[in-house]
Amino acid sequence: MTTKLKGRLLTVALIAAGAMASPAMAEDAGHCKYIQQNMFAGPFKVCEMPIDAAKCEDLGKTDENKDAVHAAGACPTEGLVGTCDKGATKLLYFDGEPSGLEIGCGFQAGTWVNP
């Protein structure tokens, strides 16, 4: 087996291992609770997951968001109004009008899910 072929096989193996590990890593990333507000809507109490601590800190500084707090595990669901499933992350809303939030979710390229 040539060195070039060995290198390609190793690359494929590493990519496959990363694909299998990513759900667990995403689960371990935790969640971020914050107050979401921008020039168009809010403030809304939200929780986004999976989000690591660094991304949570960034979210707390984006637009007019504030009070970002990172924690392990999944977002709580008590008092949930609905969820915007954005694919890579889920944004859970704990206040606001569901019909308006659903429209806003569409602008985020997400799919609205009622609790």
N, C-alpha and C. Protein backbone atom coordinates (compact mmCIF):
# COMPACT_ATOMS: atom_id res chain seq x y z
N MET A 1 0.86 -1.17 0.00
CA MET A 1 0.00 0.00 0.00
C MET A 1 0.90 1.23 0.00
N THR A 2 0.61 2.16 -0.88
CA THR A 2 1.45 3.35 -0.98
C THR A 2 1.17 4.32 0.15
N THR A 3 2.12 5.19 0.38
CA THR A 3 1.96 6.21 1.42
C THR A 3 0.79 7.13 1.10
N LYS A 4 0.62 7.45 -0.18
CA LYS A 4 -0.47 8.32 -0.59
C LYS A 4 -1.83 7.68 -0.28
N LEU A 5 -1.96 6.39 -0.58
CA LEU A 5 -3.20 5.66 -0.32
C LEU A 5 -3.45 5.57 1.18
N LYS A 6 -2.42 5.31 1.97
CA LYS A 6 -2.55 5.25 3.42
C LYS A 6 -3.05 6.60 3.96
N GLY A 7 -2.50 7.68 3.42
CA GLY A 7 -2.92 9.02 3.84
C GLY A 7 -4.38 9.28 3.53
N ARG A 8 -4.83 8.84 2.36
CA ARG A 8 -6.24 9.02 1.98
C ARG A 8 -7.16 8.20 2.87
N LEU A 9 -6.76 6.95 3.15
CA LEU A 9 -7.57 6.10 4.03
C LEU A 9 -7.65 6.70 5.44
N LEU A 10 -6.56 7.23 5.93
CA LEU A 10 -6.55 7.86 7.24
C LEU A 10 -7.47 9.08 7.25
N THR A 11 -7.44 9.88 6.20
CA THR A 11 -8.32 11.05 6.10
C THR A 11 -9.78 10.64 6.13
N VAL A 12 -10.13 9.61 5.35
CA VAL A 12 -11.52 9.12 5.32
C VAL A 12 -11.93 8.61 6.69
N ALA A 13 -11.06 7.88 7.35
CA ALA A 13 -11.36 7.35 8.69
C ALA A 13 -11.58 8.47 9.69
N LEU A 14 -10.75 9.50 9.64
CA LEU A 14 -10.90 10.63 10.55
C LEU A 14 -12.20 11.39 10.30
N ILE A 15 -12.55 11.56 9.04
CA ILE A 15 -13.81 12.24 8.70
C ILE A 15 -14.98 11.42 9.22
N ALA A 16 -14.96 10.12 9.01
CA ALA A 16 -16.04 9.25 9.49
C ALA A 16 -16.13 9.28 11.00
N ALA A 17 -15.01 9.24 11.68
CA ALA A 17 -15.02 9.29 13.14
C ALA A 17 -15.58 10.61 13.64
N GLY A 18 -15.24 11.70 12.97
CA GLY A 18 -15.78 13.01 13.35
C GLY A 18 -17.27 13.08 13.14
N ALA A 19 -17.77 12.49 12.09
CA ALA A 19 -19.21 12.50 11.83
C ALA A 19 -19.95 11.71 12.89
N MET A 20 -19.36 10.61 13.34
CA MET A 20 -20.02 9.81 14.37
C MET A 20 -19.92 10.49 15.73
N ALA A 21 -18.87 11.24 15.98
CA ALA A 21 -18.69 11.86 17.28
C ALA A 21 -19.46 13.15 17.43
N SER A 22 -19.83 13.80 16.33
CA SER A 22 -20.43 15.13 16.43
C SER A 22 -21.73 15.18 17.22
N PRO A 23 -22.66 14.19 17.14
CA PRO A 23 -23.86 14.29 17.97
C PRO A 23 -23.53 14.31 19.46
N ALA A 24 -22.59 13.47 19.88
CA ALA A 24 -22.24 13.46 21.29
C ALA A 24 -21.57 14.76 21.69
N MET A 25 -20.70 15.28 20.82
CA MET A 25 -20.03 16.54 21.13
C MET A 25 -21.06 17.67 21.20
N ALA A 26 -22.03 17.66 20.29
CA ALA A 26 -23.07 18.69 20.32
C ALA A 26 -23.87 18.59 21.60
N GLU A 27 -24.16 17.36 22.03
CA GLU A 27 -24.92 17.16 23.26
C GLU A 27 -24.15 17.71 24.45
N ASP A 28 -22.83 17.52 24.44
CA ASP A 28 -21.98 17.99 25.53
C ASP A 28 -21.80 19.51 25.53
N ALA A 29 -22.13 20.17 24.43
CA ALA A 29 -21.90 21.61 24.32
C ALA A 29 -22.74 22.40 25.32
N GLY A 30 -23.92 21.90 25.68
CA GLY A 30 -24.76 22.59 26.64
C GLY A 30 -25.73 23.54 25.98
N HIS A 31 -26.20 24.50 26.78
CA HIS A 31 -27.19 25.45 26.28
C HIS A 31 -26.87 26.86 26.77
N CYS A 32 -27.55 27.82 26.16
CA CYS A 32 -27.33 29.23 26.49
C CYS A 32 -28.68 29.91 26.67
N LYS A 33 -28.93 30.40 27.88
CA LYS A 33 -30.14 31.19 28.14
C LYS A 33 -29.76 32.66 28.02
N TYR A 34 -30.61 33.44 27.34
CA TYR A 34 -30.34 34.86 27.22
C TYR A 34 -31.62 35.61 26.87
N ILE A 35 -31.55 36.92 26.92
CA ILE A 35 -32.65 37.78 26.50
C ILE A 35 -32.35 38.19 25.07
N GLN A 36 -33.23 37.79 24.15
CA GLN A 36 -33.03 38.09 22.73
C GLN A 36 -33.80 39.35 22.37
N GLN A 37 -33.10 40.27 21.77
CA GLN A 37 -33.74 41.49 21.29
C GLN A 37 -32.95 42.03 20.11
N ASN A 38 -33.69 42.50 19.13
CA ASN A 38 -33.05 43.19 18.02
C ASN A 38 -33.93 44.37 17.65
N MET A 39 -33.61 45.05 16.57
CA MET A 39 -34.37 46.25 16.22
C MET A 39 -35.80 45.93 15.79
N PHE A 40 -36.10 44.67 15.50
CA PHE A 40 -37.41 44.31 14.99
C PHE A 40 -38.34 43.71 16.04
N ALA A 41 -37.79 43.01 17.04
CA ALA A 41 -38.64 42.31 17.99
C ALA A 41 -37.93 42.08 19.31
N GLY A 42 -38.74 41.76 20.30
CA GLY A 42 -38.20 41.41 21.61
C GLY A 42 -38.51 42.47 22.63
N PRO A 43 -38.09 42.27 23.82
CA PRO A 43 -37.21 41.19 24.29
C PRO A 43 -37.98 39.88 24.51
N PHE A 44 -37.27 38.78 24.26
CA PHE A 44 -37.81 37.45 24.48
C PHE A 44 -36.82 36.66 25.34
N LYS A 45 -37.36 35.90 26.29
CA LYS A 45 -36.53 34.96 27.05
C LYS A 45 -36.36 33.73 26.17
N VAL A 46 -35.10 33.38 25.86
CA VAL A 46 -34.82 32.25 24.99
C VAL A 46 -33.73 31.36 25.58
N CYS A 47 -33.64 30.18 25.01
CA CYS A 47 -32.56 29.25 25.33
C CYS A 47 -32.19 28.57 24.02
N GLU A 48 -30.89 28.54 23.71
CA GLU A 48 -30.44 27.93 22.46
C GLU A 48 -29.51 26.76 22.78
N MET A 49 -29.63 25.68 22.00
CA MET A 49 -28.80 24.49 22.21
C MET A 49 -28.60 23.75 20.89
N PRO A 50 -27.57 22.98 20.73
CA PRO A 50 -26.38 22.96 21.58
C PRO A 50 -25.50 24.17 21.28
N ILE A 51 -25.02 24.77 22.33
CA ILE A 51 -24.16 25.96 22.25
C ILE A 51 -23.05 25.81 23.28
N ASP A 52 -21.82 26.05 22.87
CA ASP A 52 -20.72 26.01 23.84
C ASP A 52 -20.59 27.37 24.53
N ALA A 53 -19.77 27.43 25.53
CA ALA A 53 -19.64 28.64 26.36
C ALA A 53 -19.18 29.85 25.55
N ALA A 54 -18.25 29.66 24.63
CA ALA A 54 -17.74 30.79 23.84
C ALA A 54 -18.83 31.35 22.94
N LYS A 55 -19.59 30.47 22.28
CA LYS A 55 -20.68 30.93 21.41
C LYS A 55 -21.76 31.61 22.25
N CYS A 56 -22.02 31.11 23.45
CA CYS A 56 -23.00 31.73 24.34
C CYS A 56 -22.58 33.16 24.67
N GLU A 57 -21.31 33.34 24.96
CA GLU A 57 -20.81 34.67 25.26
C GLU A 57 -21.03 35.60 24.07
N ASP A 58 -20.76 35.10 22.86
CA ASP A 58 -20.98 35.90 21.64
C ASP A 58 -22.45 36.24 21.46
N LEU A 59 -23.34 35.26 21.69
CA LEU A 59 -24.77 35.51 21.56
C LEU A 59 -25.24 36.62 22.50
N GLY A 60 -24.66 36.67 23.68
CA GLY A 60 -25.03 37.68 24.66
C GLY A 60 -24.61 39.08 24.26
N LYS A 61 -23.74 39.19 23.26
CA LYS A 61 -23.26 40.48 22.79
C LYS A 61 -23.79 40.85 21.41
N THR A 62 -24.55 39.93 20.78
CA THR A 62 -25.06 40.14 19.43
C THR A 62 -26.30 41.02 19.48
N ASP A 63 -26.41 41.94 18.52
CA ASP A 63 -27.53 42.88 18.48
C ASP A 63 -27.68 43.52 19.85
N GLU A 64 -28.86 43.47 20.42
CA GLU A 64 -29.09 44.03 21.75
C GLU A 64 -29.36 42.92 22.76
N ASN A 65 -28.92 41.68 22.47
CA ASN A 65 -29.08 40.57 23.40
C ASN A 65 -28.36 40.88 24.70
N LYS A 66 -28.79 40.21 25.77
CA LYS A 66 -28.12 40.43 27.06
C LYS A 66 -28.35 39.25 27.99
N ASP A 67 -27.65 39.26 29.09
CA ASP A 67 -27.79 38.31 30.18
C ASP A 67 -27.57 36.85 29.77
N ALA A 68 -26.60 36.60 28.90
CA ALA A 68 -26.32 35.24 28.44
C ALA A 68 -25.66 34.43 29.55
N VAL A 69 -26.20 33.22 29.77
CA VAL A 69 -25.65 32.30 30.77
C VAL A 69 -25.57 30.91 30.16
N HIS A 70 -24.37 30.34 30.17
CA HIS A 70 -24.16 29.00 29.63
C HIS A 70 -24.30 27.96 30.75
N ALA A 71 -24.84 26.79 30.41
CA ALA A 71 -24.94 25.68 31.35
C ALA A 71 -24.88 24.37 30.59
N ALA A 72 -24.58 23.31 31.30
CA ALA A 72 -24.49 21.98 30.69
C ALA A 72 -25.88 21.43 30.39
N GLY A 73 -25.92 20.47 29.48
CA GLY A 73 -27.16 19.76 29.18
C GLY A 73 -28.09 20.53 28.27
N ALA A 74 -29.32 20.02 28.20
CA ALA A 74 -30.34 20.60 27.32
C ALA A 74 -31.05 21.76 28.00
N CYS A 75 -31.70 22.58 27.18
CA CYS A 75 -32.52 23.69 27.69
C CYS A 75 -33.68 23.14 28.50
N PRO A 76 -34.11 23.87 29.52
CA PRO A 76 -35.33 23.47 30.22
C PRO A 76 -36.53 23.67 29.29
N THR A 77 -37.64 23.02 29.59
CA THR A 77 -38.81 23.14 28.73
C THR A 77 -40.04 23.67 29.46
N GLU A 78 -39.94 23.92 30.74
CA GLU A 78 -41.07 24.45 31.49
C GLU A 78 -41.40 25.87 31.01
N GLY A 79 -42.66 26.11 30.67
CA GLY A 79 -43.09 27.42 30.20
C GLY A 79 -42.78 27.66 28.73
N LEU A 80 -42.44 26.63 27.98
CA LEU A 80 -42.06 26.75 26.58
C LEU A 80 -43.23 27.22 25.72
N VAL A 81 -42.98 28.26 24.89
CA VAL A 81 -43.98 28.78 23.95
C VAL A 81 -43.84 28.05 22.61
N GLY A 82 -42.61 27.73 22.21
CA GLY A 82 -42.34 27.05 20.96
C GLY A 82 -40.85 27.05 20.68
N THR A 83 -40.48 26.32 19.64
CA THR A 83 -39.08 26.15 19.28
C THR A 83 -38.86 26.47 17.81
N CYS A 84 -37.79 27.19 17.53
CA CYS A 84 -37.36 27.42 16.16
C CYS A 84 -36.19 26.47 15.91
N ASP A 85 -36.45 25.43 15.12
CA ASP A 85 -35.43 24.44 14.79
C ASP A 85 -34.64 24.97 13.60
N LYS A 86 -33.41 25.41 13.87
CA LYS A 86 -32.56 26.00 12.84
C LYS A 86 -31.59 25.00 12.25
N GLY A 87 -31.82 23.72 12.52
CA GLY A 87 -30.94 22.68 12.00
C GLY A 87 -29.79 22.40 12.94
N ALA A 88 -28.76 23.23 12.91
CA ALA A 88 -27.60 23.03 13.77
C ALA A 88 -27.92 23.31 15.23
N THR A 89 -28.86 24.23 15.47
CA THR A 89 -29.27 24.55 16.84
C THR A 89 -30.79 24.67 16.90
N LYS A 90 -31.28 24.63 18.13
CA LYS A 90 -32.70 24.85 18.38
C LYS A 90 -32.81 26.07 19.31
N LEU A 91 -33.70 26.99 18.96
CA LEU A 91 -33.91 28.20 19.74
C LEU A 91 -35.28 28.09 20.39
N LEU A 92 -35.30 27.93 21.71
CA LEU A 92 -36.54 27.76 22.47
C LEU A 92 -36.99 29.11 23.01
N TYR A 93 -38.27 29.44 22.81
CA TYR A 93 -38.85 30.70 23.27
C TYR A 93 -39.72 30.46 24.49
N PHE A 94 -39.59 31.33 25.49
CA PHE A 94 -40.36 31.20 26.73
C PHE A 94 -41.35 32.34 26.92
N ASP A 95 -41.38 33.27 26.00
CA ASP A 95 -42.44 34.28 25.98
C ASP A 95 -42.57 34.81 24.56
N GLY A 96 -43.65 35.52 24.31
CA GLY A 96 -43.93 36.02 22.97
C GLY A 96 -45.16 35.35 22.40
N GLU A 97 -45.63 35.89 21.30
CA GLU A 97 -46.82 35.38 20.62
C GLU A 97 -46.37 34.34 19.58
N PRO A 98 -46.84 33.08 19.71
CA PRO A 98 -46.38 32.02 18.81
C PRO A 98 -46.49 32.35 17.32
N SER A 99 -47.57 33.00 16.89
CA SER A 99 -47.72 33.27 15.46
C SER A 99 -46.64 34.23 14.97
N GLY A 100 -46.32 35.24 15.76
CA GLY A 100 -45.25 36.17 15.39
C GLY A 100 -43.88 35.52 15.46
N LEU A 101 -43.67 34.68 16.46
CA LEU A 101 -42.40 33.98 16.59
C LEU A 101 -42.18 33.01 15.42
N GLU A 102 -43.27 32.39 14.97
CA GLU A 102 -43.17 31.48 13.83
C GLU A 102 -42.71 32.22 12.59
N ILE A 103 -43.22 33.42 12.38
CA ILE A 103 -42.80 34.24 11.23
C ILE A 103 -41.31 34.58 11.37
N GLY A 104 -40.92 35.01 12.55
CA GLY A 104 -39.51 35.32 12.80
C GLY A 104 -38.61 34.12 12.61
N CYS A 105 -39.10 32.95 12.98
CA CYS A 105 -38.33 31.72 12.80
C CYS A 105 -38.06 31.49 11.32
N GLY A 106 -39.05 31.76 10.48
CA GLY A 106 -38.87 31.62 9.04
C GLY A 106 -37.76 32.52 8.52
N PHE A 107 -37.64 33.73 9.08
CA PHE A 107 -36.57 34.65 8.67
C PHE A 107 -35.19 34.14 9.11
N GLN A 108 -35.17 33.22 10.08
CA GLN A 108 -33.92 32.62 10.53
C GLN A 108 -33.65 31.30 9.80
N ALA A 109 -34.41 31.03 8.75
CA ALA A 109 -34.31 29.79 7.98
C ALA A 109 -34.59 28.57 8.84
N GLY A 110 -35.49 28.76 9.83
CA GLY A 110 -35.84 27.67 10.73
C GLY A 110 -37.23 27.14 10.49
N THR A 111 -37.57 26.09 11.23
CA THR A 111 -38.89 25.48 11.19
C THR A 111 -39.49 25.61 12.58
N TRP A 112 -40.70 26.19 12.66
CA TRP A 112 -41.37 26.40 13.94
C TRP A 112 -41.99 25.09 14.42
N VAL A 113 -41.80 24.81 15.71
CA VAL A 113 -42.36 23.60 16.33
C VAL A 113 -43.10 24.03 17.59
N ASN A 114 -44.41 23.75 17.64
CA ASN A 114 -45.19 24.05 18.85
C ASN A 114 -44.84 23.07 19.95
N PRO A 115 -44.96 23.48 21.21
CA PRO A 115 -44.61 22.57 22.31
C PRO A 115 -45.55 21.38 22.40
